[in-house]
Amino acid sequence: MGNKGEGLSERFLNYAVRIVLFVERLEKSFVGRHIGGQLFRAGTSAGSNCEEACGAESRPDFVHKLGVVLKELREARFWLRLIQGSKLLPENDPGLLDILQETEELAKITAKSIITARQNKNKQRAS
């Protein structure tokens, strides 16, 4: 993935750090712990799966692993929206809005990477 991939890896690492710090802000109630645990797992695994994709053994393996990244980001988005909707934090909480935006951006980047990898695969077959 070259320099672009290194930047994306760093962005996923920063995202995971932000998820960790965000989860720490949630109440330690039953609901807060449950949602926090789910968000923690999905949000931090997106980056580790991105790293796995960088070491993929083939293009199909790369696409598959990026698919897992996208799945985890979508799950993280769900938990963040649940936090927002259930008012576990104020609806306009800057940290919540910021991390939701980053989740959306990383999901769009990942989805586009999947599309590009699939298109490149099809171009190779046509050659």
C-alpha atoms as a PDB file:
ATOM      1  CA  MET A   1       0.000   0.000   0.000  1.00  0.00           C
ATOM      2  CA  GLY A   2       3.059   2.256   0.121  1.00  0.00           C
ATOM      3  CA  ASN A   3       3.058   5.606   1.922  1.00  0.00           C
ATOM      4  CA  LYS A   4      -0.699   5.922   1.501  1.00  0.00           C
ATOM      5  CA  GLY A   5      -1.158   2.636   3.374  1.00  0.00           C
ATOM      6  CA  GLU A   6       1.180   3.727   6.144  1.00  0.00           C
ATOM      7  CA  GLY A   7      -0.875   6.878   6.621  1.00  0.00           C
ATOM      8  CA  LEU A   8      -4.049   4.827   6.740  1.00  0.00           C
ATOM      9  CA  SER A   9      -2.512   2.415   9.254  1.00  0.00           C
ATOM     10  CA  GLU A  10      -1.626   5.363  11.460  1.00  0.00           C
ATOM     11  CA  ARG A  11      -5.136   6.740  11.076  1.00  0.00           C
ATOM     12  CA  PHE A  12      -6.623   3.399  12.155  1.00  0.00           C
ATOM     13  CA  LEU A  13      -4.262   3.296  15.131  1.00  0.00           C
ATOM     14  CA  ASN A  14      -5.332   6.799  16.162  1.00  0.00           C
ATOM     15  CA  TYR A  15      -8.963   5.774  15.695  1.00  0.00           C
ATOM     16  CA  ALA A  16      -8.468   2.790  18.024  1.00  0.00           C
ATOM     17  CA  VAL A  17      -6.868   5.046  20.644  1.00  0.00           C
ATOM     18  CA  ARG A  18      -9.812   7.426  20.369  1.00  0.00           C
ATOM     19  CA  ILE A  19     -12.243   4.507  20.782  1.00  0.00           C
ATOM     20  CA  VAL A  20     -10.425   3.396  23.938  1.00  0.00           C
ATOM     21  CA  LEU A  21     -10.548   6.894  25.439  1.00  0.00           C
ATOM     22  CA  PHE A  22     -14.166   7.358  24.369  1.00  0.00           C
ATOM     23  CA  VAL A  23     -15.303   4.088  25.967  1.00  0.00           C
ATOM     24  CA  GLU A  24     -13.630   5.161  29.210  1.00  0.00           C
ATOM     25  CA  ARG A  25     -16.043   8.127  29.316  1.00  0.00           C
ATOM     26  CA  LEU A  26     -19.151   5.948  29.398  1.00  0.00           C
ATOM     27  CA  GLU A  27     -20.949   5.283  32.668  1.00  0.00           C
ATOM     28  CA  LYS A  28     -19.957   2.094  34.427  1.00  0.00           C
ATOM     29  CA  SER A  29     -23.606   0.971  34.549  1.00  0.00           C
ATOM     30  CA  PHE A  30     -24.760  -2.345  33.050  1.00  0.00           C
ATOM     31  CA  VAL A  31     -25.759  -0.583  29.817  1.00  0.00           C
ATOM     32  CA  GLY A  32     -22.608   1.530  29.651  1.00  0.00           C
ATOM     33  CA  ARG A  33     -20.357  -1.482  30.177  1.00  0.00           C
ATOM     34  CA  HIS A  34     -22.206  -3.615  27.634  1.00  0.00           C
ATOM     35  CA  ILE A  35     -22.306  -1.000  24.879  1.00  0.00           C
ATOM     36  CA  GLY A  36     -18.795   0.139  25.732  1.00  0.00           C
ATOM     37  CA  GLY A  37     -17.479  -3.417  25.445  1.00  0.00           C
ATOM     38  CA  GLN A  38     -19.146  -3.935  22.086  1.00  0.00           C
ATOM     39  CA  LEU A  39     -17.867  -0.603  20.764  1.00  0.00           C
ATOM     40  CA  PHE A  40     -14.399  -1.319  22.143  1.00  0.00           C
ATOM     41  CA  ARG A  41     -14.196  -4.668  20.338  1.00  0.00           C
ATOM     42  CA  ALA A  42     -15.524  -3.409  17.003  1.00  0.00           C
ATOM     43  CA  GLY A  43     -13.643  -0.106  17.018  1.00  0.00           C
ATOM     44  CA  THR A  44     -10.266  -1.510  17.951  1.00  0.00           C
ATOM     45  CA  SER A  45     -10.471  -4.582  15.724  1.00  0.00           C
ATOM     46  CA  ALA A  46     -10.985  -2.451  12.601  1.00  0.00           C
ATOM     47  CA  GLY A  47      -7.363  -1.310  12.806  1.00  0.00           C
ATOM     48  CA  SER A  48      -5.917  -4.716  13.570  1.00  0.00           C
ATOM     49  CA  ASN A  49      -7.826  -6.186  10.631  1.00  0.00           C
ATOM     50  CA  CYS A  50      -6.520  -3.386   8.422  1.00  0.00           C
ATOM     51  CA  GLU A  51      -3.006  -4.432   9.422  1.00  0.00           C
ATOM     52  CA  GLU A  52      -3.915  -8.022   8.540  1.00  0.00           C
ATOM     53  CA  ALA A  53      -5.087  -6.834   5.102  1.00  0.00           C
ATOM     54  CA  CYS A  54      -1.716  -5.164   4.525  1.00  0.00           C
ATOM     55  CA  GLY A  55      -0.121  -8.586   4.948  1.00  0.00           C
ATOM     56  CA  ALA A  56      -2.634 -10.438   2.794  1.00  0.00           C
ATOM     57  CA  GLU A  57      -1.347 -13.397   0.806  1.00  0.00           C
ATOM     58  CA  SER A  58      -3.423 -12.653  -2.294  1.00  0.00           C
ATOM     59  CA  ARG A  59      -5.813 -10.093  -3.733  1.00  0.00           C
ATOM     60  CA  PRO A  60      -8.890 -12.155  -2.716  1.00  0.00           C
ATOM     61  CA  ASP A  61      -7.454 -12.426   0.802  1.00  0.00           C
ATOM     62  CA  PHE A  62      -6.873  -8.647   0.810  1.00  0.00           C
ATOM     63  CA  VAL A  63     -10.454  -7.962  -0.302  1.00  0.00           C
ATOM     64  CA  HIS A  64     -11.819 -10.394   2.285  1.00  0.00           C
ATOM     65  CA  LYS A  65      -9.836  -8.795   5.118  1.00  0.00           C
ATOM     66  CA  LEU A  66     -10.895  -5.308   4.065  1.00  0.00           C
ATOM     67  CA  GLY A  67     -14.464  -6.614   4.129  1.00  0.00           C
ATOM     68  CA  VAL A  68     -13.943  -7.544   7.776  1.00  0.00           C
ATOM     69  CA  VAL A  69     -12.603  -4.021   8.443  1.00  0.00           C
ATOM     70  CA  LEU A  70     -15.736  -2.530   6.879  1.00  0.00           C
ATOM     71  CA  LYS A  71     -17.969  -4.865   8.900  1.00  0.00           C
ATOM     72  CA  GLU A  72     -16.293  -3.796  12.153  1.00  0.00           C
ATOM     73  CA  LEU A  73     -16.592  -0.103  11.258  1.00  0.00           C
ATOM     74  CA  ARG A  74     -20.282  -0.531  10.532  1.00  0.00           C
ATOM     75  CA  GLU A  75     -20.742  -2.247  13.875  1.00  0.00           C
ATOM     76  CA  ALA A  76     -18.843   0.546  15.645  1.00  0.00           C
ATOM     77  CA  ARG A  77     -21.079   3.082  13.893  1.00  0.00           C
ATOM     78  CA  PHE A  78     -24.147   1.224  15.194  1.00  0.00           C
ATOM     79  CA  TRP A  79     -22.923   1.328  18.806  1.00  0.00           C
ATOM     80  CA  LEU A  80     -22.002   5.003  18.504  1.00  0.00           C
ATOM     81  CA  ARG A  81     -25.440   5.819  17.114  1.00  0.00           C
ATOM     82  CA  LEU A  82     -27.020   3.811  19.942  1.00  0.00           C
ATOM     83  CA  ILE A  83     -25.043   5.857  22.474  1.00  0.00           C
ATOM     84  CA  GLN A  84     -26.258   8.982  20.725  1.00  0.00           C
ATOM     85  CA  GLY A  85     -29.881   7.839  20.464  1.00  0.00           C
ATOM     86  CA  SER A  86     -30.140   6.531  24.014  1.00  0.00           C
ATOM     87  CA  LYS A  87     -28.524   9.706  25.344  1.00  0.00           C
ATOM     88  CA  LEU A  88     -25.747   7.920  27.234  1.00  0.00           C
ATOM     89  CA  LEU A  89     -23.817  11.057  26.343  1.00  0.00           C
ATOM     90  CA  PRO A  90     -25.307  14.370  25.235  1.00  0.00           C
ATOM     91  CA  GLU A  91     -26.458  14.234  21.598  1.00  0.00           C
ATOM     92  CA  ASN A  92     -24.127  17.078  20.576  1.00  0.00           C
ATOM     93  CA  ASP A  93     -21.136  15.791  22.557  1.00  0.00           C
ATOM     94  CA  PRO A  94     -18.107  16.894  20.484  1.00  0.00           C
ATOM     95  CA  GLY A  95     -16.240  13.652  21.140  1.00  0.00           C
ATOM     96  CA  LEU A  96     -19.193  11.574  20.009  1.00  0.00           C
ATOM     97  CA  LEU A  97     -19.793  13.622  16.871  1.00  0.00           C
ATOM     98  CA  ASP A  98     -16.086  13.615  16.024  1.00  0.00           C
ATOM     99  CA  ILE A  99     -15.654   9.866  16.380  1.00  0.00           C
ATOM    100  CA  LEU A 100     -18.856   9.211  14.429  1.00  0.00           C
ATOM    101  CA  GLN A 101     -17.477  11.341  11.588  1.00  0.00           C
ATOM    102  CA  GLU A 102     -14.152   9.504  11.632  1.00  0.00           C
ATOM    103  CA  THR A 103     -15.993   6.166  11.591  1.00  0.00           C
ATOM    104  CA  GLU A 104     -17.927   7.293   8.511  1.00  0.00           C
ATOM    105  CA  GLU A 105     -14.768   8.505   6.753  1.00  0.00           C
ATOM    106  CA  LEU A 106     -12.827   5.313   7.466  1.00  0.00           C
ATOM    107  CA  ALA A 107     -15.782   3.229   6.265  1.00  0.00           C
ATOM    108  CA  LYS A 108     -15.927   5.208   2.991  1.00  0.00           C
ATOM    109  CA  ILE A 109     -12.167   4.838   2.459  1.00  0.00           C
ATOM    110  CA  THR A 110     -12.348   1.106   3.169  1.00  0.00           C
ATOM    111  CA  ALA A 111     -15.355   0.573   0.887  1.00  0.00           C
ATOM    112  CA  LYS A 112     -13.593   2.453  -1.924  1.00  0.00           C
ATOM    113  CA  SER A 113     -10.447   0.360  -1.387  1.00  0.00           C
ATOM    114  CA  ILE A 114     -12.510  -2.825  -1.719  1.00  0.00           C
ATOM    115  CA  ILE A 115     -14.066  -1.566  -4.967  1.00  0.00           C
ATOM    116  CA  THR A 116     -10.661  -0.565  -6.352  1.00  0.00           C
ATOM    117  CA  ALA A 117      -9.066  -3.900  -5.428  1.00  0.00           C
ATOM    118  CA  ARG A 118     -11.913  -5.780  -7.101  1.00  0.00           C
ATOM    119  CA  GLN A 119     -11.642  -3.624 -10.232  1.00  0.00           C
ATOM    120  CA  ASN A 120      -7.880  -4.182 -10.395  1.00  0.00           C
ATOM    121  CA  LYS A 121      -8.495  -7.910 -10.062  1.00  0.00           C
ATOM    122  CA  ASN A 122     -10.903  -7.802 -13.002  1.00  0.00           C
ATOM    123  CA  LYS A 123      -8.407  -5.749 -15.078  1.00  0.00           C
ATOM    124  CA  GLN A 124      -5.728  -8.381 -14.451  1.00  0.00           C
ATOM    125  CA  ARG A 125      -8.059 -11.127 -15.691  1.00  0.00           C
ATOM    126  CA  ALA A 126      -8.802  -9.152 -18.866  1.00  0.00           C
ATOM    127  CA  SER A 127      -5.096  -8.708 -19.655  1.00  0.00           C
END
